[in-house]
Amino acid sequence: MTALTRAEIDEFWETWLDINRRAEESGDWRVMADWYAEDATYGWMLTPDEHFMAVGREQIRDWAIGIEMDGFDGWHYDYQATVVDEKNAMIVGFWKQRSGITDDATGTEFEVPGLGGSWFGVERQPDGDVKFSWQRDWFDFGAMAHTMGAVLKSGKAPDTLHARLKVFGLEVPGHYRPADLPSTVWPPPVEAGQYVTQQQTREVTG
């Protein structure tokens, strides 16, 4: 399979930004699943003892941007900066997680503080299309929980958000103990050592 050019990655990323905005406007994030490869993986950490992982486009559609995003009507995840690594066909996007609900105390939107972002692997498919082969997100779960609590306390949370916040725990599809994950926490090619930039020099002893 031929390598991707920077122009191809940039063009693909622009379509991703566009479908993100359209998903935010409609409240249905599932349309974004078509940007993932059929065998893509998508995961993030909630706590050291609980992770989320979707394996395959349909689990991503139904779980990662389905169940996990249901109830977040009006929320938006605007990318603040993007870093593209065309050599390794990776993209890192940094986003702010904002609620679309005004905090009367400050006159600004409720926002999850701290850094949030997504790390993507981009790959040409056998049919020539460009897709995400994997995605891993990071955010401060404690900060998110704090903001959700503030939104609920404000009395402005819609019924859909109240319902969504009742859906949590290991019984929810895609939630696993670390030992049970169906894919690696680090993206599979990274976990396999394909992109190591600094070798470990210190011996690990028992």
C-alpha atoms as a PDB file:
ATOM      1  CA  MET A   1       0.000   0.000   0.000  1.00  0.00           C
ATOM      2  CA  THR A   2       1.455   3.380  -0.956  1.00  0.00           C
ATOM      3  CA  ALA A   3       2.318   5.941   1.693  1.00  0.00           C
ATOM      4  CA  LEU A   4       0.096   8.943   2.242  1.00  0.00           C
ATOM      5  CA  THR A   5       1.231  12.399   1.243  1.00  0.00           C
ATOM      6  CA  ARG A   6       0.869  15.409   3.538  1.00  0.00           C
ATOM      7  CA  ALA A   7      -1.676  16.852   1.113  1.00  0.00           C
ATOM      8  CA  GLU A   8      -3.806  13.700   1.350  1.00  0.00           C
ATOM      9  CA  ILE A   9      -3.694  13.730   5.153  1.00  0.00           C
ATOM     10  CA  ASP A  10      -4.572  17.432   5.285  1.00  0.00           C
ATOM     11  CA  GLU A  11      -7.472  16.948   2.886  1.00  0.00           C
ATOM     12  CA  PHE A  12      -8.800  14.004   4.909  1.00  0.00           C
ATOM     13  CA  TRP A  13      -8.511  16.006   8.133  1.00  0.00           C
ATOM     14  CA  GLU A  14     -10.546  18.861   6.672  1.00  0.00           C
ATOM     15  CA  THR A  15     -13.361  16.438   5.877  1.00  0.00           C
ATOM     16  CA  TRP A  16     -13.145  15.195   9.465  1.00  0.00           C
ATOM     17  CA  LEU A  17     -13.516  18.701  10.862  1.00  0.00           C
ATOM     18  CA  ASP A  18     -16.509  19.238   8.592  1.00  0.00           C
ATOM     19  CA  ILE A  19     -18.327  16.059   9.648  1.00  0.00           C
ATOM     20  CA  ASN A  20     -17.608  16.892  13.308  1.00  0.00           C
ATOM     21  CA  ARG A  21     -19.386  20.210  12.943  1.00  0.00           C
ATOM     22  CA  ARG A  22     -22.317  18.627  11.144  1.00  0.00           C
ATOM     23  CA  ALA A  23     -22.600  15.961  13.851  1.00  0.00           C
ATOM     24  CA  GLU A  24     -22.593  18.622  16.567  1.00  0.00           C
ATOM     25  CA  GLU A  25     -25.372  20.509  14.796  1.00  0.00           C
ATOM     26  CA  SER A  26     -27.560  17.432  14.319  1.00  0.00           C
ATOM     27  CA  GLY A  27     -26.814  15.798  17.674  1.00  0.00           C
ATOM     28  CA  ASP A  28     -26.155  12.467  15.924  1.00  0.00           C
ATOM     29  CA  TRP A  29     -22.484  11.563  16.044  1.00  0.00           C
ATOM     30  CA  ARG A  30     -22.909   8.161  14.413  1.00  0.00           C
ATOM     31  CA  VAL A  31     -22.411   9.608  10.926  1.00  0.00           C
ATOM     32  CA  MET A  32     -18.724  10.014  11.809  1.00  0.00           C
ATOM     33  CA  ALA A  33     -18.189   6.240  11.823  1.00  0.00           C
ATOM     34  CA  ASP A  34     -17.638   6.225   8.071  1.00  0.00           C
ATOM     35  CA  TRP A  35     -14.289   7.976   8.620  1.00  0.00           C
ATOM     36  CA  TYR A  36     -12.921   4.833  10.321  1.00  0.00           C
ATOM     37  CA  ALA A  37     -11.476   1.704   8.758  1.00  0.00           C
ATOM     38  CA  GLU A  38     -13.582  -1.426   9.036  1.00  0.00           C
ATOM     39  CA  ASP A  39     -11.157  -2.895  11.605  1.00  0.00           C
ATOM     40  CA  ALA A  40     -10.264   0.349  13.411  1.00  0.00           C
ATOM     41  CA  THR A  41      -9.960   0.539  17.201  1.00  0.00           C
ATOM     42  CA  TYR A  42     -10.983   3.463  19.410  1.00  0.00           C
ATOM     43  CA  GLY A  43     -10.296   3.707  23.119  1.00  0.00           C
ATOM     44  CA  TRP A  44      -9.716   5.892  26.156  1.00  0.00           C
ATOM     45  CA  MET A  45      -9.091   5.580  29.890  1.00  0.00           C
ATOM     46  CA  LEU A  46     -11.799   6.459  32.402  1.00  0.00           C
ATOM     47  CA  THR A  47      -9.959   5.331  35.540  1.00  0.00           C
ATOM     48  CA  PRO A  48      -6.950   3.066  36.074  1.00  0.00           C
ATOM     49  CA  ASP A  49      -9.438   0.212  36.608  1.00  0.00           C
ATOM     50  CA  GLU A  50     -11.852   1.021  33.769  1.00  0.00           C
ATOM     51  CA  HIS A  51     -11.168   1.666  30.118  1.00  0.00           C
ATOM     52  CA  PHE A  52     -13.312   2.023  27.031  1.00  0.00           C
ATOM     53  CA  MET A  53     -12.516   0.189  23.793  1.00  0.00           C
ATOM     54  CA  ALA A  54     -14.446  -0.270  20.565  1.00  0.00           C
ATOM     55  CA  VAL A  55     -13.114  -2.677  17.940  1.00  0.00           C
ATOM     56  CA  GLY A  56     -14.331  -2.306  14.381  1.00  0.00           C
ATOM     57  CA  ARG A  57     -16.318   0.391  12.601  1.00  0.00           C
ATOM     58  CA  GLU A  58     -19.704  -0.824  13.795  1.00  0.00           C
ATOM     59  CA  GLN A  59     -18.705  -0.893  17.470  1.00  0.00           C
ATOM     60  CA  ILE A  60     -17.301   2.601  17.002  1.00  0.00           C
ATOM     61  CA  ARG A  61     -20.606   3.665  15.453  1.00  0.00           C
ATOM     62  CA  ASP A  62     -22.792   1.999  18.079  1.00  0.00           C
ATOM     63  CA  TRP A  63     -20.669   2.467  21.205  1.00  0.00           C
ATOM     64  CA  ALA A  64     -17.938   5.127  20.952  1.00  0.00           C
ATOM     65  CA  ILE A  65     -19.966   7.731  19.063  1.00  0.00           C
ATOM     66  CA  GLY A  66     -23.327   6.151  19.814  1.00  0.00           C
ATOM     67  CA  ILE A  67     -24.013   5.188  23.418  1.00  0.00           C
ATOM     68  CA  GLU A  68     -21.120   7.278  24.742  1.00  0.00           C
ATOM     69  CA  MET A  69     -22.290  10.452  22.981  1.00  0.00           C
ATOM     70  CA  ASP A  70     -26.038  10.097  23.401  1.00  0.00           C
ATOM     71  CA  GLY A  71     -27.436  12.849  25.620  1.00  0.00           C
ATOM     72  CA  PHE A  72     -24.709  15.375  24.874  1.00  0.00           C
ATOM     73  CA  ASP A  73     -26.979  17.516  22.714  1.00  0.00           C
ATOM     74  CA  GLY A  74     -25.484  20.990  22.304  1.00  0.00           C
ATOM     75  CA  TRP A  75     -22.026  19.967  23.485  1.00  0.00           C
ATOM     76  CA  HIS A  76     -19.176  20.806  21.140  1.00  0.00           C
ATOM     77  CA  TYR A  77     -15.556  19.727  20.901  1.00  0.00           C
ATOM     78  CA  ASP A  78     -13.795  22.466  18.992  1.00  0.00           C
ATOM     79  CA  TYR A  79     -10.258  21.642  17.912  1.00  0.00           C
ATOM     80  CA  GLN A  80      -7.850  24.278  19.201  1.00  0.00           C
ATOM     81  CA  ALA A  81      -4.703  22.990  17.526  1.00  0.00           C
ATOM     82  CA  THR A  82      -3.656  20.132  15.264  1.00  0.00           C
ATOM     83  CA  VAL A  83      -0.283  18.440  14.824  1.00  0.00           C
ATOM     84  CA  VAL A  84       0.249  16.321  11.706  1.00  0.00           C
ATOM     85  CA  ASP A  85       3.055  13.770  11.414  1.00  0.00           C
ATOM     86  CA  GLU A  86       3.062  12.834   7.746  1.00  0.00           C
ATOM     87  CA  LYS A  87       6.119  10.583   8.140  1.00  0.00           C
ATOM     88  CA  ASN A  88       4.244   8.239  10.481  1.00  0.00           C
ATOM     89  CA  ALA A  89       0.730   9.066   9.207  1.00  0.00           C
ATOM     90  CA  MET A  90      -0.488  10.314  12.584  1.00  0.00           C
ATOM     91  CA  ILE A  91      -2.594  13.280  13.662  1.00  0.00           C
ATOM     92  CA  VAL A  92      -2.987  14.749  17.139  1.00  0.00           C
ATOM     93  CA  GLY A  93      -5.921  17.095  17.685  1.00  0.00           C
ATOM     94  CA  PHE A  94      -6.418  19.118  20.869  1.00  0.00           C
ATOM     95  CA  TRP A  95     -10.038  20.016  21.674  1.00  0.00           C
ATOM     96  CA  LYS A  96     -12.016  21.864  24.314  1.00  0.00           C
ATOM     97  CA  GLN A  97     -15.080  20.129  25.693  1.00  0.00           C
ATOM     98  CA  ARG A  98     -17.861  22.716  26.031  1.00  0.00           C
ATOM     99  CA  SER A  99     -21.484  22.202  27.000  1.00  0.00           C
ATOM    100  CA  GLY A 100     -23.454  24.833  25.128  1.00  0.00           C
ATOM    101  CA  ILE A 101     -25.045  25.655  28.522  1.00  0.00           C
ATOM    102  CA  THR A 102     -24.333  29.002  30.199  1.00  0.00           C
ATOM    103  CA  ASP A 103     -23.054  29.196  33.761  1.00  0.00           C
ATOM    104  CA  ASP A 104     -25.007  32.083  35.304  1.00  0.00           C
ATOM    105  CA  ALA A 105     -22.190  32.724  37.775  1.00  0.00           C
ATOM    106  CA  THR A 106     -19.651  33.491  35.050  1.00  0.00           C
ATOM    107  CA  GLY A 107     -21.733  34.207  31.949  1.00  0.00           C
ATOM    108  CA  THR A 108     -19.683  31.647  30.035  1.00  0.00           C
ATOM    109  CA  GLU A 109     -20.321  28.080  28.919  1.00  0.00           C
ATOM    110  CA  PHE A 110     -19.725  25.225  31.283  1.00  0.00           C
ATOM    111  CA  GLU A 111     -16.450  23.737  30.051  1.00  0.00           C
ATOM    112  CA  VAL A 112     -14.377  20.760  31.139  1.00  0.00           C
ATOM    113  CA  PRO A 113     -11.071  22.310  32.307  1.00  0.00           C
ATOM    114  CA  GLY A 114      -7.695  21.004  31.243  1.00  0.00           C
ATOM    115  CA  LEU A 115      -6.393  19.482  28.045  1.00  0.00           C
ATOM    116  CA  GLY A 116      -8.423  17.080  25.944  1.00  0.00           C
ATOM    117  CA  GLY A 117      -7.471  15.522  22.680  1.00  0.00           C
ATOM    118  CA  SER A 118      -7.427  12.672  20.212  1.00  0.00           C
ATOM    119  CA  TRP A 119      -4.499  10.800  18.671  1.00  0.00           C
ATOM    120  CA  PHE A 120      -5.204   9.200  15.305  1.00  0.00           C
ATOM    121  CA  GLY A 121      -3.500   6.788  12.956  1.00  0.00           C
ATOM    122  CA  VAL A 122      -4.316   7.416   9.292  1.00  0.00           C
ATOM    123  CA  GLU A 123      -4.079   4.701   6.670  1.00  0.00           C
ATOM    124  CA  ARG A 124      -4.874   4.119   3.017  1.00  0.00           C
ATOM    125  CA  GLN A 125      -7.358   1.292   2.601  1.00  0.00           C
ATOM    126  CA  PRO A 126      -7.173  -1.443  -0.078  1.00  0.00           C
ATOM    127  CA  ASP A 127      -9.807   0.443  -2.104  1.00  0.00           C
ATOM    128  CA  GLY A 128      -7.665   3.599  -1.996  1.00  0.00           C
ATOM    129  CA  ASP A 129      -9.776   5.526   0.534  1.00  0.00           C
ATOM    130  CA  VAL A 130      -8.101   7.235   3.492  1.00  0.00           C
ATOM    131  CA  LYS A 131      -9.475   6.251   6.919  1.00  0.00           C
ATOM    132  CA  PHE A 132      -8.558   6.322  10.590  1.00  0.00           C
ATOM    133  CA  SER A 133      -7.025   2.977  11.548  1.00  0.00           C
ATOM    134  CA  TRP A 134      -7.062   3.783  15.261  1.00  0.00           C
ATOM    135  CA  GLN A 135      -7.918   6.557  17.712  1.00  0.00           C
ATOM    136  CA  ARG A 136      -7.046   7.088  21.346  1.00  0.00           C
ATOM    137  CA  ASP A 137      -8.500   9.959  23.404  1.00  0.00           C
ATOM    138  CA  TRP A 138      -7.331  11.559  26.621  1.00  0.00           C
ATOM    139  CA  PHE A 139      -9.092  13.867  29.072  1.00  0.00           C
ATOM    140  CA  ASP A 140      -9.259  14.418  32.815  1.00  0.00           C
ATOM    141  CA  PHE A 141     -12.104  12.208  33.998  1.00  0.00           C
ATOM    142  CA  GLY A 142     -12.205  13.920  37.404  1.00  0.00           C
ATOM    143  CA  ALA A 143     -12.491  17.342  35.769  1.00  0.00           C
ATOM    144  CA  MET A 144     -15.244  16.072  33.490  1.00  0.00           C
ATOM    145  CA  ALA A 145     -17.195  14.652  36.449  1.00  0.00           C
ATOM    146  CA  HIS A 146     -16.829  17.964  38.274  1.00  0.00           C
ATOM    147  CA  THR A 147     -18.202  19.912  35.306  1.00  0.00           C
ATOM    148  CA  MET A 148     -21.088  17.477  34.857  1.00  0.00           C
ATOM    149  CA  GLY A 149     -21.945  17.978  38.525  1.00  0.00           C
ATOM    150  CA  ALA A 150     -21.933  21.743  38.071  1.00  0.00           C
ATOM    151  CA  VAL A 151     -24.221  21.482  35.038  1.00  0.00           C
ATOM    152  CA  LEU A 152     -26.663  19.318  36.983  1.00  0.00           C
ATOM    153  CA  LYS A 153     -26.556  21.677  39.971  1.00  0.00           C
ATOM    154  CA  SER A 154     -27.383  24.621  37.698  1.00  0.00           C
ATOM    155  CA  GLY A 155     -30.761  23.084  36.894  1.00  0.00           C
ATOM    156  CA  LYS A 156     -30.115  23.579  33.175  1.00  0.00           C
ATOM    157  CA  ALA A 157     -29.226  20.022  32.231  1.00  0.00           C
ATOM    158  CA  PRO A 158     -31.715  18.610  29.702  1.00  0.00           C
ATOM    159  CA  ASP A 159     -33.499  15.337  30.381  1.00  0.00           C
ATOM    160  CA  THR A 160     -31.312  13.638  27.776  1.00  0.00           C
ATOM    161  CA  LEU A 161     -28.170  14.470  29.782  1.00  0.00           C
ATOM    162  CA  HIS A 162     -29.769  13.279  33.027  1.00  0.00           C
ATOM    163  CA  ALA A 163     -30.549   9.989  31.299  1.00  0.00           C
ATOM    164  CA  ARG A 164     -27.035   9.686  29.831  1.00  0.00           C
ATOM    165  CA  LEU A 165     -25.326  10.209  33.177  1.00  0.00           C
ATOM    166  CA  LYS A 166     -27.159   7.176  34.554  1.00  0.00           C
ATOM    167  CA  VAL A 167     -25.344   5.000  31.996  1.00  0.00           C
ATOM    168  CA  PHE A 168     -21.963   4.095  33.459  1.00  0.00           C
ATOM    169  CA  GLY A 169     -19.881   1.214  34.722  1.00  0.00           C
ATOM    170  CA  LEU A 170     -18.525  -2.047  33.424  1.00  0.00           C
ATOM    171  CA  GLU A 171     -21.959  -3.286  32.350  1.00  0.00           C
ATOM    172  CA  VAL A 172     -22.013  -0.673  29.559  1.00  0.00           C
ATOM    173  CA  PRO A 173     -20.844  -2.007  26.151  1.00  0.00           C
ATOM    174  CA  GLY A 174     -17.189  -1.211  25.518  1.00  0.00           C
ATOM    175  CA  HIS A 175     -16.204  -0.768  29.176  1.00  0.00           C
ATOM    176  CA  TYR A 176     -13.508  -3.164  30.378  1.00  0.00           C
ATOM    177  CA  ARG A 177     -11.067  -3.881  33.141  1.00  0.00           C
ATOM    178  CA  PRO A 178      -7.545  -3.327  31.735  1.00  0.00           C
ATOM    179  CA  ALA A 179      -6.803  -7.067  31.689  1.00  0.00           C
ATOM    180  CA  ASP A 180      -9.894  -7.727  29.570  1.00  0.00           C
ATOM    181  CA  LEU A 181      -9.383  -5.110  26.860  1.00  0.00           C
ATOM    182  CA  PRO A 182      -9.866  -6.417  23.305  1.00  0.00           C
ATOM    183  CA  SER A 183      -7.179  -4.064  21.989  1.00  0.00           C
ATOM    184  CA  THR A 184      -4.152  -2.404  23.535  1.00  0.00           C
ATOM    185  CA  VAL A 185      -4.316   0.855  25.503  1.00  0.00           C
ATOM    186  CA  TRP A 186      -1.551   2.251  23.322  1.00  0.00           C
ATOM    187  CA  PRO A 187      -2.480   1.932  19.625  1.00  0.00           C
ATOM    188  CA  PRO A 188      -1.492  -1.540  18.374  1.00  0.00           C
ATOM    189  CA  PRO A 189       1.404  -0.470  16.090  1.00  0.00           C
ATOM    190  CA  VAL A 190       2.770   1.800  18.833  1.00  0.00           C
ATOM    191  CA  GLU A 191       2.462  -0.947  21.433  1.00  0.00           C
ATOM    192  CA  ALA A 192       4.303  -3.227  18.999  1.00  0.00           C
ATOM    193  CA  GLY A 193       7.258  -0.835  19.029  1.00  0.00           C
ATOM    194  CA  GLN A 194       7.019   0.410  15.441  1.00  0.00           C
ATOM    195  CA  TYR A 195       7.528   4.059  16.413  1.00  0.00           C
ATOM    196  CA  VAL A 196       9.904   3.945  19.381  1.00  0.00           C
ATOM    197  CA  THR A 197      11.903   7.186  19.481  1.00  0.00           C
ATOM    198  CA  GLN A 198      13.809   6.639  22.721  1.00  0.00           C
ATOM    199  CA  GLN A 199      14.961   3.206  23.754  1.00  0.00           C
ATOM    200  CA  GLN A 200      14.837   2.211  27.409  1.00  0.00           C
ATOM    201  CA  THR A 201      18.349   2.279  28.827  1.00  0.00           C
ATOM    202  CA  ARG A 202      17.785   1.452  32.474  1.00  0.00           C
ATOM    203  CA  GLU A 203      17.397  -2.161  33.499  1.00  0.00           C
ATOM    204  CA  VAL A 204      14.187  -3.097  35.281  1.00  0.00           C
ATOM    205  CA  THR A 205      14.850  -5.267  38.302  1.00  0.00           C
ATOM    206  CA  GLY A 206      12.552  -7.269  40.498  1.00  0.00           C
END
